[in-house]
């Protein structure tokens, strides 16, 4: 494979002359002699076979080709600087990849805030954030497919810190027949109607959760789909309060007047499976997640 005939130093000199407006100021900025800068530009033009400057009066101005080469040269130098920055990050122990597995119960706005901060502070780290349901995060831990897990199930051999408790409420659309009964409800009242449930995303040992004795069932893969289906009157469900605040405020979904079992709770734990080997991005992400839940009302 043939290598480039020009060098980064030549492109750096070319950009400096354009940015500074003269060879003299470019030489001062680059801490080079003016003759060294002039020679670099001459060699660049010679090797490319294209003039980048033309003399107009007493001033050297970019040719049309020079304007195009300036834009491409800027991208080249910027990419070289990013490459050096990435190498520096790796040498400093920054992970090239960060894999986050989060139970879908963790509030999305809080996760997006964390991802925004991570992208800003670790631009060279490739971030992967996957949502799971029930045993999905547990499975990712067991298969060593994550660097950080937010899970409701901490498998044997792992330690997790309690992160937050999520409140589930039994709800149905305001016009659902269950609300038309005009009294407190028990499980016998629920049985004739369709219950909405969210499917376990794990593959090894799929789990069910909550009361599942309804005659009809509709299974979906995402909580937001379940919320929308309940709001449309398709069925009733126990849903996380944090995922349906807008629908509750608008009256699209209304809590069922249960005699018992109208609410239940699920706990989420934060697990860093390889804490001894955790790099700066992993530790920063852990701190962001802990701080994020401080202001949550789940």
C-alpha atoms as a PDB file:
ATOM      1  CA  UNK A   1       0.000   0.000   0.000  1.00  0.00           C
ATOM      2  CA  UNK A   2       1.407   3.368  -1.038  1.00  0.00           C
ATOM      3  CA  UNK A   3       1.818   5.875   1.769  1.00  0.00           C
ATOM      4  CA  UNK A   4       1.065   9.625   1.552  1.00  0.00           C
ATOM      5  CA  UNK A   5       3.698  11.897   0.019  1.00  0.00           C
ATOM      6  CA  UNK A   6       2.823  14.790   2.276  1.00  0.00           C
ATOM      7  CA  UNK A   7       3.323  15.035   6.024  1.00  0.00           C
ATOM      8  CA  UNK A   8       1.157  16.261   8.882  1.00  0.00           C
ATOM      9  CA  UNK A   9       3.774  18.911   9.605  1.00  0.00           C
ATOM     10  CA  UNK A  10       3.320  20.378   6.111  1.00  0.00           C
ATOM     11  CA  UNK A  11      -0.448  20.487   6.535  1.00  0.00           C
ATOM     12  CA  UNK A  12      -0.021  22.029   9.981  1.00  0.00           C
ATOM     13  CA  UNK A  13       2.140  24.784   8.501  1.00  0.00           C
ATOM     14  CA  UNK A  14      -0.362  25.390   5.700  1.00  0.00           C
ATOM     15  CA  UNK A  15      -3.258  25.730   8.139  1.00  0.00           C
ATOM     16  CA  UNK A  16      -1.253  28.029  10.403  1.00  0.00           C
ATOM     17  CA  UNK A  17      -0.426  30.411   7.531  1.00  0.00           C
ATOM     18  CA  UNK A  18      -4.102  30.638   6.609  1.00  0.00           C
ATOM     19  CA  UNK A  19      -5.282  30.998  10.211  1.00  0.00           C
ATOM     20  CA  UNK A  20      -2.652  33.563  11.202  1.00  0.00           C
ATOM     21  CA  UNK A  21      -2.768  35.500   7.942  1.00  0.00           C
ATOM     22  CA  UNK A  22       0.981  35.539   7.206  1.00  0.00           C
ATOM     23  CA  UNK A  23       4.078  33.358   7.124  1.00  0.00           C
ATOM     24  CA  UNK A  24       5.720  35.426   9.840  1.00  0.00           C
ATOM     25  CA  UNK A  25       2.880  35.062  12.359  1.00  0.00           C
ATOM     26  CA  UNK A  26       2.481  31.368  11.480  1.00  0.00           C
ATOM     27  CA  UNK A  27       6.192  30.812  12.163  1.00  0.00           C
ATOM     28  CA  UNK A  28       5.845  32.538  15.521  1.00  0.00           C
ATOM     29  CA  UNK A  29       2.840  30.448  16.481  1.00  0.00           C
ATOM     30  CA  UNK A  30       4.507  27.207  15.418  1.00  0.00           C
ATOM     31  CA  UNK A  31       7.851  28.140  17.014  1.00  0.00           C
ATOM     32  CA  UNK A  32       9.592  27.642  13.675  1.00  0.00           C
ATOM     33  CA  UNK A  33      11.669  29.880  11.460  1.00  0.00           C
ATOM     34  CA  UNK A  34       9.840  31.641   8.660  1.00  0.00           C
ATOM     35  CA  UNK A  35      12.056  29.918   6.105  1.00  0.00           C
ATOM     36  CA  UNK A  36      11.040  26.483   7.525  1.00  0.00           C
ATOM     37  CA  UNK A  37       7.346  27.372   7.141  1.00  0.00           C
ATOM     38  CA  UNK A  38       7.897  28.699   3.619  1.00  0.00           C
ATOM     39  CA  UNK A  39       9.783  25.532   2.643  1.00  0.00           C
ATOM     40  CA  UNK A  40       7.020  23.296   4.064  1.00  0.00           C
ATOM     41  CA  UNK A  41       4.372  25.091   1.967  1.00  0.00           C
ATOM     42  CA  UNK A  42       6.532  24.935  -1.165  1.00  0.00           C
ATOM     43  CA  UNK A  43       7.096  21.193  -0.707  1.00  0.00           C
ATOM     44  CA  UNK A  44       3.338  20.693  -0.147  1.00  0.00           C
ATOM     45  CA  UNK A  45       2.505  22.468  -3.417  1.00  0.00           C
ATOM     46  CA  UNK A  46       5.230  20.524  -5.220  1.00  0.00           C
ATOM     47  CA  UNK A  47       4.112  17.134  -3.943  1.00  0.00           C
ATOM     48  CA  UNK A  48       0.422  17.841  -4.603  1.00  0.00           C
ATOM     49  CA  UNK A  49       1.028  19.496  -7.946  1.00  0.00           C
ATOM     50  CA  UNK A  50      -1.450  22.212  -6.971  1.00  0.00           C
ATOM     51  CA  UNK A  51      -0.761  25.847  -6.005  1.00  0.00           C
ATOM     52  CA  UNK A  52      -2.430  26.683  -2.689  1.00  0.00           C
ATOM     53  CA  UNK A  53      -1.600  30.412  -2.636  1.00  0.00           C
ATOM     54  CA  UNK A  54      -1.520  33.130  -5.265  1.00  0.00           C
ATOM     55  CA  UNK A  55      -0.077  36.611  -4.926  1.00  0.00           C
ATOM     56  CA  UNK A  56      -2.561  39.460  -5.234  1.00  0.00           C
ATOM     57  CA  UNK A  57      -0.853  42.777  -4.798  1.00  0.00           C
ATOM     58  CA  UNK A  58       1.348  42.365  -1.752  1.00  0.00           C
ATOM     59  CA  UNK A  59      -0.800  39.646  -0.178  1.00  0.00           C
ATOM     60  CA  UNK A  60      -0.865  35.864  -0.632  1.00  0.00           C
ATOM     61  CA  UNK A  61      -4.421  34.541  -0.912  1.00  0.00           C
ATOM     62  CA  UNK A  62      -5.821  31.046  -1.160  1.00  0.00           C
ATOM     63  CA  UNK A  63      -6.564  29.693  -4.609  1.00  0.00           C
ATOM     64  CA  UNK A  64      -9.847  27.860  -5.173  1.00  0.00           C
ATOM     65  CA  UNK A  65      -7.911  24.605  -4.859  1.00  0.00           C
ATOM     66  CA  UNK A  66      -6.266  25.952  -1.711  1.00  0.00           C
ATOM     67  CA  UNK A  67      -9.672  26.663  -0.145  1.00  0.00           C
ATOM     68  CA  UNK A  68     -10.753  23.078  -0.746  1.00  0.00           C
ATOM     69  CA  UNK A  69      -7.444  21.734   0.562  1.00  0.00           C
ATOM     70  CA  UNK A  70      -7.732  23.950   3.644  1.00  0.00           C
ATOM     71  CA  UNK A  71     -11.081  22.359   4.536  1.00  0.00           C
ATOM     72  CA  UNK A  72      -9.759  18.841   3.989  1.00  0.00           C
ATOM     73  CA  UNK A  73      -6.503  19.647   5.748  1.00  0.00           C
ATOM     74  CA  UNK A  74      -8.396  20.979   8.754  1.00  0.00           C
ATOM     75  CA  UNK A  75     -10.319  17.696   8.960  1.00  0.00           C
ATOM     76  CA  UNK A  76      -7.035  15.784   8.645  1.00  0.00           C
ATOM     77  CA  UNK A  77      -5.341  17.660  11.488  1.00  0.00           C
ATOM     78  CA  UNK A  78      -8.438  17.477  13.684  1.00  0.00           C
ATOM     79  CA  UNK A  79      -8.604  13.718  13.163  1.00  0.00           C
ATOM     80  CA  UNK A  80      -4.901  13.380  13.973  1.00  0.00           C
ATOM     81  CA  UNK A  81      -5.454  15.298  17.208  1.00  0.00           C
ATOM     82  CA  UNK A  82      -8.423  13.072  18.070  1.00  0.00           C
ATOM     83  CA  UNK A  83      -6.309  10.005  17.377  1.00  0.00           C
ATOM     84  CA  UNK A  84      -3.564  11.252  19.690  1.00  0.00           C
ATOM     85  CA  UNK A  85      -6.187  12.068  22.323  1.00  0.00           C
ATOM     86  CA  UNK A  86      -7.606   8.554  22.074  1.00  0.00           C
ATOM     87  CA  UNK A  87      -4.131   7.062  22.460  1.00  0.00           C
ATOM     88  CA  UNK A  88      -3.536   9.259  25.494  1.00  0.00           C
ATOM     89  CA  UNK A  89      -6.827   8.103  26.997  1.00  0.00           C
ATOM     90  CA  UNK A  90      -5.901   4.461  26.500  1.00  0.00           C
ATOM     91  CA  UNK A  91      -2.470   5.025  28.025  1.00  0.00           C
ATOM     92  CA  UNK A  92      -4.179   6.702  30.992  1.00  0.00           C
ATOM     93  CA  UNK A  93      -6.401   3.650  31.492  1.00  0.00           C
ATOM     94  CA  UNK A  94      -9.608   5.010  29.930  1.00  0.00           C
ATOM     95  CA  UNK A  95     -11.717   2.175  28.577  1.00  0.00           C
ATOM     96  CA  UNK A  96     -12.197   2.016  24.791  1.00  0.00           C
ATOM     97  CA  UNK A  97     -15.707   0.642  25.451  1.00  0.00           C
ATOM     98  CA  UNK A  98     -18.259   0.949  28.260  1.00  0.00           C
ATOM     99  CA  UNK A  99     -21.201  -1.482  28.329  1.00  0.00           C
ATOM    100  CA  UNK A 100     -24.200  -0.511  30.456  1.00  0.00           C
ATOM    101  CA  UNK A 101     -27.127  -2.893  30.952  1.00  0.00           C
ATOM    102  CA  UNK A 102     -30.115  -1.260  32.601  1.00  0.00           C
ATOM    103  CA  UNK A 103     -33.429  -2.673  33.714  1.00  0.00           C
ATOM    104  CA  UNK A 104     -36.168  -0.808  31.894  1.00  0.00           C
ATOM    105  CA  UNK A 105     -37.505   0.383  35.270  1.00  0.00           C
ATOM    106  CA  UNK A 106     -34.658   2.880  35.564  1.00  0.00           C
ATOM    107  CA  UNK A 107     -36.092   6.271  34.495  1.00  0.00           C
ATOM    108  CA  UNK A 108     -35.068   7.154  30.956  1.00  0.00           C
ATOM    109  CA  UNK A 109     -34.504  10.919  31.549  1.00  0.00           C
ATOM    110  CA  UNK A 110     -32.022  10.107  34.320  1.00  0.00           C
ATOM    111  CA  UNK A 111     -30.196   7.624  32.089  1.00  0.00           C
ATOM    112  CA  UNK A 112     -30.072  10.121  29.209  1.00  0.00           C
ATOM    113  CA  UNK A 113     -28.541  12.716  31.535  1.00  0.00           C
ATOM    114  CA  UNK A 114     -25.840  10.212  32.491  1.00  0.00           C
ATOM    115  CA  UNK A 115     -25.134   9.268  28.870  1.00  0.00           C
ATOM    116  CA  UNK A 116     -24.873  12.938  27.881  1.00  0.00           C
ATOM    117  CA  UNK A 117     -22.294  13.556  30.600  1.00  0.00           C
ATOM    118  CA  UNK A 118     -20.333  10.428  29.672  1.00  0.00           C
ATOM    119  CA  UNK A 119     -20.244  11.404  25.992  1.00  0.00           C
ATOM    120  CA  UNK A 120     -18.854  14.806  26.927  1.00  0.00           C
ATOM    121  CA  UNK A 121     -16.187  13.603  29.356  1.00  0.00           C
ATOM    122  CA  UNK A 122     -15.157  10.429  27.508  1.00  0.00           C
ATOM    123  CA  UNK A 123     -15.544  11.220  23.791  1.00  0.00           C
ATOM    124  CA  UNK A 124     -13.248   8.369  22.708  1.00  0.00           C
ATOM    125  CA  UNK A 125     -15.035   5.683  24.714  1.00  0.00           C
ATOM    126  CA  UNK A 126     -17.616   3.717  22.760  1.00  0.00           C
ATOM    127  CA  UNK A 127     -20.713   3.555  24.961  1.00  0.00           C
ATOM    128  CA  UNK A 128     -23.303   0.796  24.695  1.00  0.00           C
ATOM    129  CA  UNK A 129     -26.506   1.063  26.747  1.00  0.00           C
ATOM    130  CA  UNK A 130     -29.016  -1.787  26.556  1.00  0.00           C
ATOM    131  CA  UNK A 131     -32.417  -1.996  28.249  1.00  0.00           C
ATOM    132  CA  UNK A 132     -33.577  -5.275  29.770  1.00  0.00           C
ATOM    133  CA  UNK A 133     -36.651  -6.648  31.553  1.00  0.00           C
ATOM    134  CA  UNK A 134     -36.690  -8.878  34.652  1.00  0.00           C
ATOM    135  CA  UNK A 135     -33.827 -11.405  34.265  1.00  0.00           C
ATOM    136  CA  UNK A 136     -32.156  -9.723  31.287  1.00  0.00           C
ATOM    137  CA  UNK A 137     -29.614  -7.766  33.345  1.00  0.00           C
ATOM    138  CA  UNK A 138     -28.957 -10.797  35.560  1.00  0.00           C
ATOM    139  CA  UNK A 139     -28.171 -12.819  32.453  1.00  0.00           C
ATOM    140  CA  UNK A 140     -25.818 -10.136  31.120  1.00  0.00           C
ATOM    141  CA  UNK A 141     -23.906 -10.253  34.416  1.00  0.00           C
ATOM    142  CA  UNK A 142     -23.604 -14.021  34.371  1.00  0.00           C
ATOM    143  CA  UNK A 143     -22.367 -13.952  30.769  1.00  0.00           C
ATOM    144  CA  UNK A 144     -19.933 -11.080  31.477  1.00  0.00           C
ATOM    145  CA  UNK A 145     -21.563  -8.869  28.856  1.00  0.00           C
ATOM    146  CA  UNK A 146     -21.578  -5.620  30.831  1.00  0.00           C
ATOM    147  CA  UNK A 147     -19.353  -3.285  32.813  1.00  0.00           C
ATOM    148  CA  UNK A 148     -22.231  -1.809  34.835  1.00  0.00           C
ATOM    149  CA  UNK A 149     -25.634  -3.355  35.490  1.00  0.00           C
ATOM    150  CA  UNK A 150     -28.810  -1.884  36.931  1.00  0.00           C
ATOM    151  CA  UNK A 151     -30.747  -4.981  37.887  1.00  0.00           C
ATOM    152  CA  UNK A 152     -33.589  -6.134  40.045  1.00  0.00           C
ATOM    153  CA  UNK A 153     -31.894  -9.505  40.516  1.00  0.00           C
ATOM    154  CA  UNK A 154     -28.318  -9.796  41.803  1.00  0.00           C
ATOM    155  CA  UNK A 155     -27.125 -13.284  40.853  1.00  0.00           C
ATOM    156  CA  UNK A 156     -24.956 -15.437  43.158  1.00  0.00           C
ATOM    157  CA  UNK A 157     -21.311 -14.457  43.022  1.00  0.00           C
ATOM    158  CA  UNK A 158     -22.011 -10.731  42.567  1.00  0.00           C
ATOM    159  CA  UNK A 159     -22.484  -7.870  45.000  1.00  0.00           C
ATOM    160  CA  UNK A 160     -24.846  -4.969  44.351  1.00  0.00           C
ATOM    161  CA  UNK A 161     -25.746  -1.743  46.118  1.00  0.00           C
ATOM    162  CA  UNK A 162     -29.391  -0.789  46.444  1.00  0.00           C
ATOM    163  CA  UNK A 163     -30.049   2.067  44.041  1.00  0.00           C
ATOM    164  CA  UNK A 164     -33.771   2.844  44.159  1.00  0.00           C
ATOM    165  CA  UNK A 165     -37.224   1.450  44.835  1.00  0.00           C
ATOM    166  CA  UNK A 166     -39.858   1.704  42.116  1.00  0.00           C
ATOM    167  CA  UNK A 167     -43.577   1.834  42.948  1.00  0.00           C
ATOM    168  CA  UNK A 168     -46.004  -0.116  40.761  1.00  0.00           C
ATOM    169  CA  UNK A 169     -49.707   0.763  40.724  1.00  0.00           C
ATOM    170  CA  UNK A 170     -52.664  -1.248  39.413  1.00  0.00           C
ATOM    171  CA  UNK A 171     -54.280   0.929  36.734  1.00  0.00           C
ATOM    172  CA  UNK A 172     -56.780   0.887  33.898  1.00  0.00           C
ATOM    173  CA  UNK A 173     -58.198   3.467  31.511  1.00  0.00           C
ATOM    174  CA  UNK A 174     -60.805   5.771  33.029  1.00  0.00           C
ATOM    175  CA  UNK A 175     -63.573   4.189  30.919  1.00  0.00           C
ATOM    176  CA  UNK A 176     -62.512   0.586  31.614  1.00  0.00           C
ATOM    177  CA  UNK A 177     -65.359  -1.652  32.936  1.00  0.00           C
ATOM    178  CA  UNK A 178     -63.446  -2.212  36.180  1.00  0.00           C
ATOM    179  CA  UNK A 179     -63.898   1.458  37.038  1.00  0.00           C
ATOM    180  CA  UNK A 180     -67.608   1.249  36.299  1.00  0.00           C
ATOM    181  CA  UNK A 181     -68.210  -1.231  39.125  1.00  0.00           C
ATOM    182  CA  UNK A 182     -68.175   1.654  41.582  1.00  0.00           C
ATOM    183  CA  UNK A 183     -66.653  -0.233  44.505  1.00  0.00           C
ATOM    184  CA  UNK A 184     -63.414  -1.657  45.840  1.00  0.00           C
ATOM    185  CA  UNK A 185     -62.030  -4.537  43.820  1.00  0.00           C
ATOM    186  CA  UNK A 186     -60.411  -7.852  44.642  1.00  0.00           C
ATOM    187  CA  UNK A 187     -58.661 -10.424  42.469  1.00  0.00           C
ATOM    188  CA  UNK A 188     -61.968 -12.082  41.534  1.00  0.00           C
ATOM    189  CA  UNK A 189     -63.104  -8.854  39.858  1.00  0.00           C
ATOM    190  CA  UNK A 190     -59.931  -8.772  37.756  1.00  0.00           C
ATOM    191  CA  UNK A 191     -60.092 -12.325  36.408  1.00  0.00           C
ATOM    192  CA  UNK A 192     -62.565 -11.749  33.524  1.00  0.00           C
ATOM    193  CA  UNK A 193     -60.499  -8.927  32.033  1.00  0.00           C
ATOM    194  CA  UNK A 194     -57.313  -8.735  29.982  1.00  0.00           C
ATOM    195  CA  UNK A 195     -54.082  -8.167  31.884  1.00  0.00           C
ATOM    196  CA  UNK A 196     -51.101  -6.522  30.211  1.00  0.00           C
ATOM    197  CA  UNK A 197     -47.651  -7.858  31.101  1.00  0.00           C
ATOM    198  CA  UNK A 198     -44.117  -7.105  29.933  1.00  0.00           C
ATOM    199  CA  UNK A 199     -42.092 -10.042  28.636  1.00  0.00           C
ATOM    200  CA  UNK A 200     -38.847 -11.062  30.313  1.00  0.00           C
ATOM    201  CA  UNK A 201     -35.932 -10.147  28.016  1.00  0.00           C
ATOM    202  CA  UNK A 202     -33.704 -12.903  29.420  1.00  0.00           C
ATOM    203  CA  UNK A 203     -33.298 -16.145  27.472  1.00  0.00           C
ATOM    204  CA  UNK A 204     -31.936 -18.573  30.076  1.00  0.00           C
ATOM    205  CA  UNK A 205     -34.532 -18.521  32.839  1.00  0.00           C
ATOM    206  CA  UNK A 206     -37.452 -16.324  31.948  1.00  0.00           C
ATOM    207  CA  UNK A 207     -39.449 -15.116  34.936  1.00  0.00           C
ATOM    208  CA  UNK A 208     -42.976 -13.950  35.525  1.00  0.00           C
ATOM    209  CA  UNK A 209     -43.738 -11.194  38.012  1.00  0.00           C
ATOM    210  CA  UNK A 210     -46.868 -10.129  39.869  1.00  0.00           C
ATOM    211  CA  UNK A 211     -50.449 -11.414  39.744  1.00  0.00           C
ATOM    212  CA  UNK A 212     -51.061 -13.342  36.503  1.00  0.00           C
ATOM    213  CA  UNK A 213     -54.401 -15.059  37.024  1.00  0.00           C
ATOM    214  CA  UNK A 214     -56.466 -13.126  34.473  1.00  0.00           C
ATOM    215  CA  UNK A 215     -58.417 -15.088  31.889  1.00  0.00           C
ATOM    216  CA  UNK A 216     -56.843 -13.062  29.060  1.00  0.00           C
ATOM    217  CA  UNK A 217     -53.322 -11.754  28.746  1.00  0.00           C
ATOM    218  CA  UNK A 218     -51.505  -9.439  26.345  1.00  0.00           C
ATOM    219  CA  UNK A 219     -47.716  -9.618  26.490  1.00  0.00           C
ATOM    220  CA  UNK A 220     -45.546  -6.778  25.161  1.00  0.00           C
ATOM    221  CA  UNK A 221     -41.801  -6.226  25.152  1.00  0.00           C
ATOM    222  CA  UNK A 222     -41.628  -2.649  26.510  1.00  0.00           C
ATOM    223  CA  UNK A 223     -43.143  -0.799  29.428  1.00  0.00           C
ATOM    224  CA  UNK A 224     -44.040   2.256  27.333  1.00  0.00           C
ATOM    225  CA  UNK A 225     -46.073  -0.011  25.032  1.00  0.00           C
ATOM    226  CA  UNK A 226     -47.901  -1.412  28.062  1.00  0.00           C
ATOM    227  CA  UNK A 227     -48.662   2.115  29.318  1.00  0.00           C
ATOM    228  CA  UNK A 228     -50.078   3.116  25.921  1.00  0.00           C
ATOM    229  CA  UNK A 229     -52.151  -0.056  25.687  1.00  0.00           C
ATOM    230  CA  UNK A 230     -53.668   0.507  29.129  1.00  0.00           C
ATOM    231  CA  UNK A 231     -54.455   4.130  28.231  1.00  0.00           C
ATOM    232  CA  UNK A 232     -56.346   2.858  25.169  1.00  0.00           C
ATOM    233  CA  UNK A 233     -58.484   0.594  27.311  1.00  0.00           C
ATOM    234  CA  UNK A 234     -57.028  -2.681  26.034  1.00  0.00           C
ATOM    235  CA  UNK A 235     -56.582  -4.029  29.554  1.00  0.00           C
ATOM    236  CA  UNK A 236     -55.356  -3.376  33.077  1.00  0.00           C
ATOM    237  CA  UNK A 237     -51.831  -3.688  34.475  1.00  0.00           C
ATOM    238  CA  UNK A 238     -49.503  -2.990  37.344  1.00  0.00           C
ATOM    239  CA  UNK A 239     -47.230  -0.294  35.943  1.00  0.00           C
ATOM    240  CA  UNK A 240     -44.308   1.689  37.392  1.00  0.00           C
ATOM    241  CA  UNK A 241     -45.534   5.081  38.519  1.00  0.00           C
ATOM    242  CA  UNK A 242     -42.447   6.802  37.120  1.00  0.00           C
ATOM    243  CA  UNK A 243     -43.277   5.507  33.612  1.00  0.00           C
ATOM    244  CA  UNK A 244     -46.851   6.848  33.496  1.00  0.00           C
ATOM    245  CA  UNK A 245     -46.749  10.183  35.299  1.00  0.00           C
ATOM    246  CA  UNK A 246     -48.046  12.102  32.287  1.00  0.00           C
ATOM    247  CA  UNK A 247     -50.856   9.608  31.687  1.00  0.00           C
ATOM    248  CA  UNK A 248     -51.848   9.749  35.372  1.00  0.00           C
ATOM    249  CA  UNK A 249     -51.826  13.553  35.351  1.00  0.00           C
ATOM    250  CA  UNK A 250     -54.045  13.662  32.248  1.00  0.00           C
ATOM    251  CA  UNK A 251     -56.409  11.020  33.611  1.00  0.00           C
ATOM    252  CA  UNK A 252     -55.664   8.643  30.714  1.00  0.00           C
ATOM    253  CA  UNK A 253     -54.994   5.928  33.276  1.00  0.00           C
ATOM    254  CA  UNK A 254     -56.560   5.761  36.734  1.00  0.00           C
ATOM    255  CA  UNK A 255     -55.505   3.650  39.743  1.00  0.00           C
ATOM    256  CA  UNK A 256     -57.827   0.732  40.421  1.00  0.00           C
ATOM    257  CA  UNK A 257     -59.526   0.835  43.874  1.00  0.00           C
ATOM    258  CA  UNK A 258     -58.082  -2.468  45.070  1.00  0.00           C
ATOM    259  CA  UNK A 259     -58.951  -3.895  48.487  1.00  0.00           C
ATOM    260  CA  UNK A 260     -55.363  -5.138  48.647  1.00  0.00           C
ATOM    261  CA  UNK A 261     -52.430  -5.424  46.272  1.00  0.00           C
ATOM    262  CA  UNK A 262     -53.111  -2.135  44.532  1.00  0.00           C
ATOM    263  CA  UNK A 263     -49.447  -1.262  44.746  1.00  0.00           C
ATOM    264  CA  UNK A 264     -46.220  -3.190  44.882  1.00  0.00           C
ATOM    265  CA  UNK A 265     -42.557  -2.314  44.809  1.00  0.00           C
ATOM    266  CA  UNK A 266     -39.462  -3.421  42.904  1.00  0.00           C
ATOM    267  CA  UNK A 267     -35.884  -2.708  43.921  1.00  0.00           C
ATOM    268  CA  UNK A 268     -33.022  -1.934  41.566  1.00  0.00           C
ATOM    269  CA  UNK A 269     -29.398  -2.618  42.423  1.00  0.00           C
ATOM    270  CA  UNK A 270     -26.207  -1.234  40.913  1.00  0.00           C
ATOM    271  CA  UNK A 271     -23.587  -3.881  40.144  1.00  0.00           C
ATOM    272  CA  UNK A 272     -20.022  -3.307  38.903  1.00  0.00           C
ATOM    273  CA  UNK A 273     -18.891  -6.867  38.151  1.00  0.00           C
ATOM    274  CA  UNK A 274     -15.161  -6.109  37.746  1.00  0.00           C
ATOM    275  CA  UNK A 275     -14.701  -3.363  40.293  1.00  0.00           C
ATOM    276  CA  UNK A 276     -10.968  -4.001  40.755  1.00  0.00           C
ATOM    277  CA  UNK A 277     -10.425  -3.465  37.025  1.00  0.00           C
ATOM    278  CA  UNK A 278     -12.921  -0.617  36.566  1.00  0.00           C
ATOM    279  CA  UNK A 279     -11.476   2.297  34.592  1.00  0.00           C
ATOM    280  CA  UNK A 280     -12.217   6.027  34.810  1.00  0.00           C
ATOM    281  CA  UNK A 281     -15.278   5.890  32.542  1.00  0.00           C
ATOM    282  CA  UNK A 282     -16.848   3.061  34.534  1.00  0.00           C
ATOM    283  CA  UNK A 283     -16.223   4.807  37.854  1.00  0.00           C
ATOM    284  CA  UNK A 284     -17.544   8.096  36.488  1.00  0.00           C
ATOM    285  CA  UNK A 285     -20.665   6.369  35.179  1.00  0.00           C
ATOM    286  CA  UNK A 286     -21.261   4.742  38.557  1.00  0.00           C
ATOM    287  CA  UNK A 287     -21.024   8.123  40.300  1.00  0.00           C
ATOM    288  CA  UNK A 288     -23.410   9.687  37.767  1.00  0.00           C
ATOM    289  CA  UNK A 289     -26.004   6.965  38.313  1.00  0.00           C
ATOM    290  CA  UNK A 290     -25.812   7.296  42.083  1.00  0.00           C
ATOM    291  CA  UNK A 291     -26.190  11.074  41.857  1.00  0.00           C
ATOM    292  CA  UNK A 292     -29.043  10.785  39.368  1.00  0.00           C
ATOM    293  CA  UNK A 293     -31.268   8.818  41.747  1.00  0.00           C
ATOM    294  CA  UNK A 294     -30.810  11.360  44.564  1.00  0.00           C
ATOM    295  CA  UNK A 295     -33.431  13.649  42.983  1.00  0.00           C
ATOM    296  CA  UNK A 296     -35.773  10.958  41.739  1.00  0.00           C
ATOM    297  CA  UNK A 297     -39.182  10.288  43.227  1.00  0.00           C
ATOM    298  CA  UNK A 298     -39.886   6.727  42.179  1.00  0.00           C
END
